[in-house]
Amino acid sequence: MVLSRELPEAFSGALQSFAEIRVNRAPVDKALFEGASVYLATGVDPVPATLIERMPSSVGLIANIATGTDNIDIEAARVRGMAVSNTPVVAEDTADLAFALILSACRKLGYCERTLRAGQWDLGAGALGNRVHGATLGIIGLGAIGQAVARRARGFGMGILYHGPARKPEAEQALGAAYCPQLADLLGRSDIVSLNCPLTAGNRHLMNRETLAQMKPGAVLVNTGRGPLVDEQALVDALAAGHLGGAGLDVFEFEPKVHPGLMEFDNVTLSPHIGSATSACRADMAARAIRNIRHFLS
């Protein structure tokens, strides 16, 4: 088994209990890949077609330690006859972070902490934010993470709208959510918009100049999905124009680079792609990756 990078000792030790592991530090070290049947990558490690095409035919599985697979060229893997697995066990932890960003962006917690640490006690207009309780939350992508966000929103007495490719009647009933077939309808009615959909070829820059303009004046955008869902320059312009009330972003269009304009706003909260960054979640992801690999090898 070849790893895309060094992994925590507990995880690599568990892998070594049933497989020989090697770490690939070159684009493709053919000697390391000799006889390998699995390539294990993390969600931040690109696995492009150029890498897949250079892997030997012995590699039959690309095991991704992430809930998504947008870092992998799936078509190139399909052409080579390689299976691709992921670790979709991050819903609750990512939803926790999404709601933390909702609260922080709406209540300007980042700004308030920065000014307090700087020795300022600002009780003026700079600290005034948006009410969260009773607000309308629009969720784009009512999958496992989106539904977990909705469950938290119910505790805040929020109205819940959602948009996606298909209606989900059972989730609607369980969550008290209303389906918006048209994205513009959800954007125009939501005080807070949460992006919880995967990145696909068809939804890059889902939030662009046109769709950002469709959001309610003063609304807040939260993204814990994937960075390229948002045109960051368009978002910076919408914030600068005062159209939006704030943003909470855990993912970025050109990670690890962050648009410098986003750093300038007091009503924007930023975090470095930490949706799954709890000890318990990372342990769950490791366990699922091991299970996927064992299943493939068996």
C-alpha atoms as a PDB file:
ATOM      1  CA  MET A   1       0.000   0.000   0.000  1.00  0.00           C
ATOM      2  CA  VAL A   2       1.316   3.449  -0.935  1.00  0.00           C
ATOM      3  CA  LEU A   3       0.399   6.553   1.097  1.00  0.00           C
ATOM      4  CA  SER A   4       0.235  10.078  -0.290  1.00  0.00           C
ATOM      5  CA  ARG A   5       1.858  11.448   2.891  1.00  0.00           C
ATOM      6  CA  GLU A   6       2.957  10.503   6.384  1.00  0.00           C
ATOM      7  CA  LEU A   7      -0.041   9.700   8.579  1.00  0.00           C
ATOM      8  CA  PRO A   8      -0.441   9.756  12.373  1.00  0.00           C
ATOM      9  CA  GLU A   9       1.342   6.857  14.045  1.00  0.00           C
ATOM     10  CA  ALA A  10      -1.846   5.284  15.385  1.00  0.00           C
ATOM     11  CA  PHE A  11      -3.357   5.197  11.893  1.00  0.00           C
ATOM     12  CA  SER A  12      -0.231   3.978  10.110  1.00  0.00           C
ATOM     13  CA  GLY A  13       0.277   1.379  12.828  1.00  0.00           C
ATOM     14  CA  ALA A  14      -3.210   0.014  12.233  1.00  0.00           C
ATOM     15  CA  LEU A  15      -2.486  -0.204   8.501  1.00  0.00           C
ATOM     16  CA  GLN A  16       0.800  -2.003   9.146  1.00  0.00           C
ATOM     17  CA  SER A  17      -1.083  -4.695  11.027  1.00  0.00           C
ATOM     18  CA  PHE A  18      -2.355  -6.074   7.720  1.00  0.00           C
ATOM     19  CA  ALA A  19      -0.333  -4.416   4.940  1.00  0.00           C
ATOM     20  CA  GLU A  20       3.123  -3.190   4.046  1.00  0.00           C
ATOM     21  CA  ILE A  21       2.986   0.597   3.761  1.00  0.00           C
ATOM     22  CA  ARG A  22       5.219   2.974   1.832  1.00  0.00           C
ATOM     23  CA  VAL A  23       5.069   6.764   1.518  1.00  0.00           C
ATOM     24  CA  ASN A  24       5.315   8.274  -1.960  1.00  0.00           C
ATOM     25  CA  ARG A  25       7.268  11.550  -1.848  1.00  0.00           C
ATOM     26  CA  ALA A  26       7.757  11.936  -5.607  1.00  0.00           C
ATOM     27  CA  PRO A  27       5.129  12.443  -8.333  1.00  0.00           C
ATOM     28  CA  VAL A  28       5.254   8.670  -8.805  1.00  0.00           C
ATOM     29  CA  ASP A  29       8.098   6.627  -7.372  1.00  0.00           C
ATOM     30  CA  LYS A  30       7.799   3.488  -9.477  1.00  0.00           C
ATOM     31  CA  ALA A  31       9.926   1.472  -7.086  1.00  0.00           C
ATOM     32  CA  LEU A  32       7.564   2.276  -4.206  1.00  0.00           C
ATOM     33  CA  PHE A  33       4.507   1.410  -6.275  1.00  0.00           C
ATOM     34  CA  GLU A  34       5.860  -1.971  -7.373  1.00  0.00           C
ATOM     35  CA  GLY A  35       3.375  -4.627  -6.281  1.00  0.00           C
ATOM     36  CA  ALA A  36       1.115  -2.108  -4.520  1.00  0.00           C
ATOM     37  CA  SER A  37      -2.626  -2.721  -4.659  1.00  0.00           C
ATOM     38  CA  VAL A  38      -3.889   0.378  -2.819  1.00  0.00           C
ATOM     39  CA  TYR A  39      -3.106   4.092  -2.987  1.00  0.00           C
ATOM     40  CA  LEU A  40      -4.250   5.926   0.146  1.00  0.00           C
ATOM     41  CA  ALA A  41      -4.751   9.697  -0.161  1.00  0.00           C
ATOM     42  CA  THR A  42      -6.127  12.425   2.056  1.00  0.00           C
ATOM     43  CA  GLY A  43      -8.735  14.868   0.798  1.00  0.00           C
ATOM     44  CA  VAL A  44      -6.146  17.638   0.412  1.00  0.00           C
ATOM     45  CA  ASP A  45      -3.849  15.564  -1.806  1.00  0.00           C
ATOM     46  CA  PRO A  46      -4.629  15.891  -5.533  1.00  0.00           C
ATOM     47  CA  VAL A  47      -4.882  12.611  -7.434  1.00  0.00           C
ATOM     48  CA  PRO A  48      -4.987  13.844 -11.042  1.00  0.00           C
ATOM     49  CA  ALA A  49      -5.100  11.809 -14.225  1.00  0.00           C
ATOM     50  CA  THR A  50      -1.345  12.263 -14.694  1.00  0.00           C
ATOM     51  CA  LEU A  51      -0.718  10.495 -11.384  1.00  0.00           C
ATOM     52  CA  ILE A  52      -3.287   7.754 -11.979  1.00  0.00           C
ATOM     53  CA  GLU A  53      -1.949   7.016 -15.460  1.00  0.00           C
ATOM     54  CA  ARG A  54       1.551   6.416 -14.064  1.00  0.00           C
ATOM     55  CA  MET A  55       0.421   3.967 -11.394  1.00  0.00           C
ATOM     56  CA  PRO A  56       1.093   0.291 -12.150  1.00  0.00           C
ATOM     57  CA  SER A  57      -1.780  -1.997 -13.063  1.00  0.00           C
ATOM     58  CA  SER A  58      -1.484  -3.685  -9.667  1.00  0.00           C
ATOM     59  CA  VAL A  59      -3.180  -0.667  -8.023  1.00  0.00           C
ATOM     60  CA  GLY A  60      -6.884  -1.437  -7.842  1.00  0.00           C
ATOM     61  CA  LEU A  61      -8.131   0.973  -5.172  1.00  0.00           C
ATOM     62  CA  ILE A  62      -7.681   4.663  -4.474  1.00  0.00           C
ATOM     63  CA  ALA A  63      -8.783   5.027  -0.859  1.00  0.00           C
ATOM     64  CA  ASN A  64      -9.591   8.645  -0.022  1.00  0.00           C
ATOM     65  CA  ILE A  65      -9.628   9.882   3.567  1.00  0.00           C
ATOM     66  CA  ALA A  66     -12.336  12.486   2.986  1.00  0.00           C
ATOM     67  CA  THR A  67     -16.084  12.686   2.632  1.00  0.00           C
ATOM     68  CA  GLY A  68     -15.749  13.830  -0.986  1.00  0.00           C
ATOM     69  CA  THR A  69     -13.716  12.680  -3.964  1.00  0.00           C
ATOM     70  CA  ASP A  70     -13.275  15.955  -5.854  1.00  0.00           C
ATOM     71  CA  ASN A  71      -9.489  15.719  -5.357  1.00  0.00           C
ATOM     72  CA  ILE A  72      -9.469  12.566  -7.512  1.00  0.00           C
ATOM     73  CA  ASP A  73      -9.913  12.319 -11.276  1.00  0.00           C
ATOM     74  CA  ILE A  74     -12.723   9.769 -11.127  1.00  0.00           C
ATOM     75  CA  GLU A  75     -12.892   9.299 -14.893  1.00  0.00           C
ATOM     76  CA  ALA A  76      -9.176   8.514 -15.083  1.00  0.00           C
ATOM     77  CA  ALA A  77      -9.610   5.957 -12.295  1.00  0.00           C
ATOM     78  CA  ARG A  78     -12.580   4.416 -14.118  1.00  0.00           C
ATOM     79  CA  VAL A  79     -10.574   4.091 -17.328  1.00  0.00           C
ATOM     80  CA  ARG A  80      -7.834   2.275 -15.402  1.00  0.00           C
ATOM     81  CA  GLY A  81     -10.396   0.013 -13.715  1.00  0.00           C
ATOM     82  CA  MET A  82      -9.600   1.387 -10.252  1.00  0.00           C
ATOM     83  CA  ALA A  83     -12.175   1.565  -7.483  1.00  0.00           C
ATOM     84  CA  VAL A  84     -12.436   4.755  -5.400  1.00  0.00           C
ATOM     85  CA  SER A  85     -13.587   4.845  -1.773  1.00  0.00           C
ATOM     86  CA  ASN A  86     -14.252   7.691   0.663  1.00  0.00           C
ATOM     87  CA  THR A  87     -15.011   8.206   4.365  1.00  0.00           C
ATOM     88  CA  PRO A  88     -18.430   9.907   4.710  1.00  0.00           C
ATOM     89  CA  VAL A  89     -18.478  10.044   8.514  1.00  0.00           C
ATOM     90  CA  VAL A  90     -18.029  13.789   9.037  1.00  0.00           C
ATOM     91  CA  ALA A  91     -21.636  14.995   9.097  1.00  0.00           C
ATOM     92  CA  GLU A  92     -22.082  15.860  12.766  1.00  0.00           C
ATOM     93  CA  ASP A  93     -18.678  17.494  13.214  1.00  0.00           C
ATOM     94  CA  THR A  94     -18.998  19.520  10.017  1.00  0.00           C
ATOM     95  CA  ALA A  95     -22.507  20.595  11.013  1.00  0.00           C
ATOM     96  CA  ASP A  96     -21.144  21.745  14.378  1.00  0.00           C
ATOM     97  CA  LEU A  97     -18.634  23.932  12.565  1.00  0.00           C
ATOM     98  CA  ALA A  98     -21.239  25.222  10.109  1.00  0.00           C
ATOM     99  CA  PHE A  99     -23.372  26.383  12.993  1.00  0.00           C
ATOM    100  CA  ALA A 100     -20.365  27.887  14.748  1.00  0.00           C
ATOM    101  CA  LEU A 101     -19.702  29.908  11.586  1.00  0.00           C
ATOM    102  CA  ILE A 102     -23.361  30.923  11.405  1.00  0.00           C
ATOM    103  CA  LEU A 103     -23.234  32.229  14.960  1.00  0.00           C
ATOM    104  CA  SER A 104     -19.838  33.870  14.566  1.00  0.00           C
ATOM    105  CA  ALA A 105     -20.632  35.609  11.277  1.00  0.00           C
ATOM    106  CA  CYS A 106     -24.074  36.750  12.391  1.00  0.00           C
ATOM    107  CA  ARG A 107     -22.935  38.001  15.799  1.00  0.00           C
ATOM    108  CA  LYS A 108     -19.516  39.293  14.644  1.00  0.00           C
ATOM    109  CA  LEU A 109     -17.702  37.199  17.225  1.00  0.00           C
ATOM    110  CA  GLY A 110     -14.431  37.339  15.311  1.00  0.00           C
ATOM    111  CA  TYR A 111     -14.503  41.127  15.230  1.00  0.00           C
ATOM    112  CA  CYS A 112     -15.508  41.372  18.883  1.00  0.00           C
ATOM    113  CA  GLU A 113     -12.695  39.072  19.994  1.00  0.00           C
ATOM    114  CA  ARG A 114     -10.101  40.920  17.902  1.00  0.00           C
ATOM    115  CA  THR A 115     -11.092  44.322  19.258  1.00  0.00           C
ATOM    116  CA  LEU A 116     -11.219  43.033  22.828  1.00  0.00           C
ATOM    117  CA  ARG A 117      -7.739  41.524  22.544  1.00  0.00           C
ATOM    118  CA  ALA A 118      -6.583  44.869  21.175  1.00  0.00           C
ATOM    119  CA  GLY A 119      -7.773  46.560  24.362  1.00  0.00           C
ATOM    120  CA  GLN A 120     -10.983  48.004  22.937  1.00  0.00           C
ATOM    121  CA  TRP A 121     -14.441  47.626  24.483  1.00  0.00           C
ATOM    122  CA  ASP A 122     -16.758  48.212  21.520  1.00  0.00           C
ATOM    123  CA  LEU A 123     -20.431  48.340  22.406  1.00  0.00           C
ATOM    124  CA  GLY A 124     -21.281  50.490  19.406  1.00  0.00           C
ATOM    125  CA  ALA A 125     -22.511  49.832  15.898  1.00  0.00           C
ATOM    126  CA  GLY A 126     -19.412  47.815  15.034  1.00  0.00           C
ATOM    127  CA  ALA A 127     -20.551  45.020  17.334  1.00  0.00           C
ATOM    128  CA  LEU A 128     -24.134  44.914  16.073  1.00  0.00           C
ATOM    129  CA  GLY A 129     -24.894  41.731  14.172  1.00  0.00           C
ATOM    130  CA  ASN A 130     -27.824  39.702  12.884  1.00  0.00           C
ATOM    131  CA  ARG A 131     -30.331  37.781  14.991  1.00  0.00           C
ATOM    132  CA  VAL A 132     -30.046  34.017  14.551  1.00  0.00           C
ATOM    133  CA  HIS A 133     -33.021  32.774  16.571  1.00  0.00           C
ATOM    134  CA  GLY A 134     -36.126  32.741  14.414  1.00  0.00           C
ATOM    135  CA  ALA A 135     -34.235  33.552  11.216  1.00  0.00           C
ATOM    136  CA  THR A 136     -34.780  31.631   7.984  1.00  0.00           C
ATOM    137  CA  LEU A 137     -31.972  29.248   7.057  1.00  0.00           C
ATOM    138  CA  GLY A 138     -31.585  28.174   3.442  1.00  0.00           C
ATOM    139  CA  ILE A 139     -29.625  24.942   3.028  1.00  0.00           C
ATOM    140  CA  ILE A 140     -28.187  24.088  -0.371  1.00  0.00           C
ATOM    141  CA  GLY A 141     -27.668  20.338  -0.321  1.00  0.00           C
ATOM    142  CA  LEU A 142     -29.822  18.427   2.161  1.00  0.00           C
ATOM    143  CA  GLY A 143     -27.564  15.401   2.440  1.00  0.00           C
ATOM    144  CA  ALA A 144     -26.215  14.022   5.699  1.00  0.00           C
ATOM    145  CA  ILE A 145     -24.397  17.257   6.572  1.00  0.00           C
ATOM    146  CA  GLY A 146     -27.236  19.500   5.454  1.00  0.00           C
ATOM    147  CA  GLN A 147     -29.715  17.524   7.544  1.00  0.00           C
ATOM    148  CA  ALA A 148     -27.406  17.716  10.563  1.00  0.00           C
ATOM    149  CA  VAL A 149     -27.255  21.510  10.139  1.00  0.00           C
ATOM    150  CA  ALA A 150     -31.058  21.594   9.918  1.00  0.00           C
ATOM    151  CA  ARG A 151     -31.397  19.660  13.181  1.00  0.00           C
ATOM    152  CA  ARG A 152     -29.295  22.293  14.917  1.00  0.00           C
ATOM    153  CA  ALA A 153     -31.323  25.068  13.312  1.00  0.00           C
ATOM    154  CA  ARG A 154     -34.516  23.658  14.781  1.00  0.00           C
ATOM    155  CA  GLY A 155     -33.092  24.236  18.247  1.00  0.00           C
ATOM    156  CA  PHE A 156     -32.780  27.919  17.343  1.00  0.00           C
ATOM    157  CA  GLY A 157     -36.386  28.132  16.206  1.00  0.00           C
ATOM    158  CA  MET A 158     -35.319  28.778  12.635  1.00  0.00           C
ATOM    159  CA  GLY A 159     -37.381  28.349   9.514  1.00  0.00           C
ATOM    160  CA  ILE A 160     -35.688  25.863   7.181  1.00  0.00           C
ATOM    161  CA  LEU A 161     -35.664  25.949   3.387  1.00  0.00           C
ATOM    162  CA  TYR A 162     -33.612  23.666   1.177  1.00  0.00           C
ATOM    163  CA  HIS A 163     -32.620  23.320  -2.454  1.00  0.00           C
ATOM    164  CA  GLY A 164     -31.160  20.336  -4.251  1.00  0.00           C
ATOM    165  CA  PRO A 165     -31.575  18.148  -7.318  1.00  0.00           C
ATOM    166  CA  ALA A 166     -34.393  16.121  -5.749  1.00  0.00           C
ATOM    167  CA  ARG A 167     -37.071  16.643  -3.143  1.00  0.00           C
ATOM    168  CA  LYS A 168     -36.731  14.655   0.108  1.00  0.00           C
ATOM    169  CA  PRO A 169     -40.207  14.251   1.649  1.00  0.00           C
ATOM    170  CA  GLU A 170     -39.061  12.158   4.632  1.00  0.00           C
ATOM    171  CA  ALA A 171     -36.402  14.709   5.570  1.00  0.00           C
ATOM    172  CA  GLU A 172     -38.919  17.518   5.107  1.00  0.00           C
ATOM    173  CA  GLN A 173     -41.264  15.903   7.585  1.00  0.00           C
ATOM    174  CA  ALA A 174     -38.554  15.091  10.116  1.00  0.00           C
ATOM    175  CA  LEU A 175     -36.941  18.527   9.957  1.00  0.00           C
ATOM    176  CA  GLY A 176     -39.867  20.798   9.214  1.00  0.00           C
ATOM    177  CA  ALA A 177     -38.085  21.892   6.034  1.00  0.00           C
ATOM    178  CA  ALA A 178     -39.632  23.311   2.861  1.00  0.00           C
ATOM    179  CA  TYR A 179     -38.296  22.497  -0.605  1.00  0.00           C
ATOM    180  CA  CYS A 180     -37.400  25.278  -3.040  1.00  0.00           C
ATOM    181  CA  PRO A 181     -37.144  23.855  -6.577  1.00  0.00           C
ATOM    182  CA  GLN A 182     -35.592  27.117  -7.771  1.00  0.00           C
ATOM    183  CA  LEU A 183     -32.348  28.316  -6.200  1.00  0.00           C
ATOM    184  CA  ALA A 184     -33.357  31.952  -6.646  1.00  0.00           C
ATOM    185  CA  ASP A 185     -36.445  31.360  -4.505  1.00  0.00           C
ATOM    186  CA  LEU A 186     -34.361  30.015  -1.612  1.00  0.00           C
ATOM    187  CA  LEU A 187     -31.814  32.820  -1.909  1.00  0.00           C
ATOM    188  CA  GLY A 188     -34.465  35.511  -1.896  1.00  0.00           C
ATOM    189  CA  ARG A 189     -36.168  34.156   1.230  1.00  0.00           C
ATOM    190  CA  SER A 190     -33.196  33.140   3.409  1.00  0.00           C
ATOM    191  CA  ASP A 191     -31.536  35.245   6.104  1.00  0.00           C
ATOM    192  CA  ILE A 192     -28.651  32.764   6.172  1.00  0.00           C
ATOM    193  CA  VAL A 193     -27.548  30.490   3.323  1.00  0.00           C
ATOM    194  CA  SER A 194     -25.500  27.375   4.141  1.00  0.00           C
ATOM    195  CA  LEU A 195     -23.643  25.535   1.373  1.00  0.00           C
ATOM    196  CA  ASN A 196     -23.587  21.820   2.155  1.00  0.00           C
ATOM    197  CA  CYS A 197     -23.451  20.280  -1.308  1.00  0.00           C
ATOM    198  CA  PRO A 198     -20.554  18.426  -2.930  1.00  0.00           C
ATOM    199  CA  LEU A 199     -18.526  20.051  -5.693  1.00  0.00           C
ATOM    200  CA  THR A 200     -19.423  18.771  -9.153  1.00  0.00           C
ATOM    201  CA  ALA A 201     -18.582  19.781 -12.694  1.00  0.00           C
ATOM    202  CA  GLY A 202     -21.932  21.561 -12.887  1.00  0.00           C
ATOM    203  CA  ASN A 203     -21.924  23.660  -9.713  1.00  0.00           C
ATOM    204  CA  ARG A 204     -18.546  25.364  -9.689  1.00  0.00           C
ATOM    205  CA  HIS A 205     -19.205  29.034  -8.827  1.00  0.00           C
ATOM    206  CA  LEU A 206     -22.749  28.169  -7.832  1.00  0.00           C
ATOM    207  CA  MET A 207     -22.566  31.385  -5.836  1.00  0.00           C
ATOM    208  CA  ASN A 208     -21.522  33.996  -8.382  1.00  0.00           C
ATOM    209  CA  ARG A 209     -22.385  37.626  -9.067  1.00  0.00           C
ATOM    210  CA  GLU A 210     -25.873  36.738 -10.224  1.00  0.00           C
ATOM    211  CA  THR A 211     -26.780  34.370  -7.398  1.00  0.00           C
ATOM    212  CA  LEU A 212     -25.158  36.507  -4.702  1.00  0.00           C
ATOM    213  CA  ALA A 213     -27.273  39.418  -5.935  1.00  0.00           C
ATOM    214  CA  GLN A 214     -30.361  37.219  -5.495  1.00  0.00           C
ATOM    215  CA  MET A 215     -29.677  36.855  -1.766  1.00  0.00           C
ATOM    216  CA  LYS A 216     -31.641  39.043   0.626  1.00  0.00           C
ATOM    217  CA  PRO A 217     -29.928  42.320   1.493  1.00  0.00           C
ATOM    218  CA  GLY A 218     -28.055  41.774   4.740  1.00  0.00           C
ATOM    219  CA  ALA A 219     -28.101  37.967   4.461  1.00  0.00           C
ATOM    220  CA  VAL A 220     -25.142  35.833   5.555  1.00  0.00           C
ATOM    221  CA  LEU A 221     -23.399  33.168   3.440  1.00  0.00           C
ATOM    222  CA  VAL A 222     -21.770  30.146   5.121  1.00  0.00           C
ATOM    223  CA  ASN A 223     -19.677  27.611   3.217  1.00  0.00           C
ATOM    224  CA  THR A 224     -18.472  24.340   4.733  1.00  0.00           C
ATOM    225  CA  GLY A 225     -18.883  22.470   1.433  1.00  0.00           C
ATOM    226  CA  ARG A 226     -16.126  23.122  -1.088  1.00  0.00           C
ATOM    227  CA  GLY A 227     -14.336  26.369  -1.845  1.00  0.00           C
ATOM    228  CA  PRO A 228     -14.941  26.505  -5.613  1.00  0.00           C
ATOM    229  CA  LEU A 229     -18.698  26.566  -4.992  1.00  0.00           C
ATOM    230  CA  VAL A 230     -18.166  30.308  -4.432  1.00  0.00           C
ATOM    231  CA  ASP A 231     -16.667  32.875  -6.781  1.00  0.00           C
ATOM    232  CA  GLU A 232     -14.558  34.587  -4.120  1.00  0.00           C
ATOM    233  CA  GLN A 233     -14.048  37.801  -6.081  1.00  0.00           C
ATOM    234  CA  ALA A 234     -17.801  38.125  -6.523  1.00  0.00           C
ATOM    235  CA  LEU A 235     -18.265  37.487  -2.794  1.00  0.00           C
ATOM    236  CA  VAL A 236     -15.703  40.146  -1.880  1.00  0.00           C
ATOM    237  CA  ASP A 237     -17.492  42.610  -4.154  1.00  0.00           C
ATOM    238  CA  ALA A 238     -20.901  41.787  -2.636  1.00  0.00           C
ATOM    239  CA  LEU A 239     -19.518  42.305   0.865  1.00  0.00           C
ATOM    240  CA  ALA A 240     -17.772  45.539  -0.109  1.00  0.00           C
ATOM    241  CA  ALA A 241     -20.995  46.863  -1.622  1.00  0.00           C
ATOM    242  CA  GLY A 242     -22.807  46.168   1.647  1.00  0.00           C
ATOM    243  CA  HIS A 243     -25.267  43.805  -0.011  1.00  0.00           C
ATOM    244  CA  LEU A 244     -24.423  40.919   2.327  1.00  0.00           C
ATOM    245  CA  GLY A 245     -24.446  41.053   6.105  1.00  0.00           C
ATOM    246  CA  GLY A 246     -21.478  38.723   6.454  1.00  0.00           C
ATOM    247  CA  ALA A 247     -19.941  35.367   5.628  1.00  0.00           C
ATOM    248  CA  GLY A 248     -18.520  32.336   7.404  1.00  0.00           C
ATOM    249  CA  LEU A 249     -16.061  30.310   5.335  1.00  0.00           C
ATOM    250  CA  ASP A 250     -14.220  27.102   6.165  1.00  0.00           C
ATOM    251  CA  VAL A 251     -13.265  26.335   2.567  1.00  0.00           C
ATOM    252  CA  PHE A 252     -11.735  28.480  -0.142  1.00  0.00           C
ATOM    253  CA  GLU A 253     -11.601  28.639  -3.909  1.00  0.00           C
ATOM    254  CA  PHE A 254      -7.821  28.316  -4.160  1.00  0.00           C
ATOM    255  CA  GLU A 255      -6.848  26.552  -0.923  1.00  0.00           C
ATOM    256  CA  PRO A 256      -4.619  27.101   0.922  1.00  0.00           C
ATOM    257  CA  LYS A 257      -4.632  30.625  -0.513  1.00  0.00           C
ATOM    258  CA  VAL A 258      -7.363  32.928   0.774  1.00  0.00           C
ATOM    259  CA  HIS A 259      -8.554  35.951  -1.178  1.00  0.00           C
ATOM    260  CA  PRO A 260      -6.904  38.912   0.600  1.00  0.00           C
ATOM    261  CA  GLY A 261     -10.113  40.916   0.318  1.00  0.00           C
ATOM    262  CA  LEU A 262     -11.864  38.507   2.676  1.00  0.00           C
ATOM    263  CA  MET A 263      -9.399  39.434   5.407  1.00  0.00           C
ATOM    264  CA  GLU A 264     -10.600  43.031   5.405  1.00  0.00           C
ATOM    265  CA  PHE A 265     -14.175  42.535   6.621  1.00  0.00           C
ATOM    266  CA  ASP A 266     -15.180  42.597  10.281  1.00  0.00           C
ATOM    267  CA  ASN A 267     -18.323  40.597   9.463  1.00  0.00           C
ATOM    268  CA  VAL A 268     -16.461  37.643   7.939  1.00  0.00           C
ATOM    269  CA  THR A 269     -15.289  34.609   9.938  1.00  0.00           C
ATOM    270  CA  LEU A 270     -12.641  32.364   8.378  1.00  0.00           C
ATOM    271  CA  SER A 271     -11.321  28.927   9.370  1.00  0.00           C
ATOM    272  CA  PRO A 272      -8.763  26.690   7.593  1.00  0.00           C
ATOM    273  CA  HIS A 273     -10.914  23.771   6.341  1.00  0.00           C
ATOM    274  CA  ILE A 274     -11.430  22.212   9.781  1.00  0.00           C
ATOM    275  CA  GLY A 275     -14.890  20.694   9.337  1.00  0.00           C
ATOM    276  CA  SER A 276     -13.667  17.237  10.339  1.00  0.00           C
ATOM    277  CA  ALA A 277     -10.986  18.449  12.745  1.00  0.00           C
ATOM    278  CA  THR A 278     -12.028  16.755  15.950  1.00  0.00           C
ATOM    279  CA  SER A 279     -10.150  13.831  17.437  1.00  0.00           C
ATOM    280  CA  ALA A 280     -13.269  11.672  17.373  1.00  0.00           C
ATOM    281  CA  CYS A 281     -14.076  12.454  13.749  1.00  0.00           C
ATOM    282  CA  ARG A 282     -10.546  11.803  12.538  1.00  0.00           C
ATOM    283  CA  ALA A 283     -10.598   8.460  14.370  1.00  0.00           C
ATOM    284  CA  ASP A 284     -13.899   7.613  12.659  1.00  0.00           C
ATOM    285  CA  MET A 285     -12.452   8.528   9.263  1.00  0.00           C
ATOM    286  CA  ALA A 286      -9.393   6.364   9.845  1.00  0.00           C
ATOM    287  CA  ALA A 287     -11.569   3.438  10.902  1.00  0.00           C
ATOM    288  CA  ARG A 288     -13.751   3.795   7.795  1.00  0.00           C
ATOM    289  CA  ALA A 289     -10.711   4.002   5.510  1.00  0.00           C
ATOM    290  CA  ILE A 290      -9.285   0.845   7.070  1.00  0.00           C
ATOM    291  CA  ARG A 291     -12.616  -0.911   6.667  1.00  0.00           C
ATOM    292  CA  ASN A 292     -12.780   0.122   3.007  1.00  0.00           C
ATOM    293  CA  ILE A 293      -9.259  -1.158   2.357  1.00  0.00           C
ATOM    294  CA  ARG A 294      -9.836  -4.443   4.180  1.00  0.00           C
ATOM    295  CA  HIS A 295     -13.039  -4.980   2.209  1.00  0.00           C
ATOM    296  CA  PHE A 296     -11.192  -4.385  -1.059  1.00  0.00           C
ATOM    297  CA  LEU A 297      -8.293  -6.659  -0.155  1.00  0.00           C
ATOM    298  CA  SER A 298     -10.629  -9.448   0.900  1.00  0.00           C
END
